[in-house]
């Protein structure tokens, strides 16, 4: 896939200049804004989109309404947003799934993420967790590797979908450990947890927003996390790097994008507003309960992240031979 960074660099510079000229953007938004979420209601992306849309509405004085358009790992929503009028009236609150991952697995995506979208800002990140039922005989990542080597292709793990960062993190571990496992995709984190609690799968790769309640209740046990360092709330859970799998270290992001052609002054105002919102104590406290980490990055840094992860995810997808069917 061609580079994101060179094209986005010029855009990011222009957005920064626009943000520094507030008078240019004061007319935005003059009408209600639709924030499209490429996944179903109730998941981590939906929760965050609603938090930030609520605060954008308060900050900019116009309605910001979330619309969930799940399916095909975000491709359906992304295609719809790419075709939307580039007037700031339609935005997408997303993860990497439809932007860097889907095009690597499906050469028939109905949009070009490099040409059809412009970055506004990254607002938060969260690690991937490997979890087991609290009653499982699996106590560690070493147990998973041992079981997978003894019975190749029989150990099962669940995620919220093919090609999600959760799926790729688990495959990165498998690639590093030289093991084969069976991926069982579900439609959302809630379904994965139900299957794990019902002992229908051996383990799961999920985000903390989905598992926070189960972890607190003790029905699930975390055995590894993809963050660069151990999480303060779970200091006893080792990182993938601690366990010898640094290649699997990753921090999936959430951010906002807009259709290409959206006025730079509009993009600048949104970037500025989102940066201010990420500094609000009330927002940080609200997200703390889900262990989401605020991590603001403007358009240029956003583009650099896309560049880095495209290379990493491409290597994982190629090694695991992951394919995705185009949306129907």
Foldseek 3Di string as FASTA:
>chain_A
DDALQPVQVVLLVLLQVLLVVLVVQLPPPVAAAEEEEQADPPAPLNVVVVLVQVLCCVVNVYHYHYDYRYDQQSLVVVLVQLPDDQARRYKYKYWCRNQQFQCLFDVPRNDHNSAWKFFQKWWWWFKKFKKAFLPAPDQAVVSVLVVQVVPAADAEEEDQDFRDLQVLLVLLLCVQSVGHYHYDHHNHLVVRVVCRLVVVHGIYIYTLLSCLVVVVVSRMDTHEIQAPADDPVCNPRYYCVVVPRVLSRDIITIGMMHTPPNDSSSSSNSSVSSVVVSPDPVSVVVCVSSVIGTDMDGRNVVSVVSRVVSVSSSVSCVVVVGHTDHTD
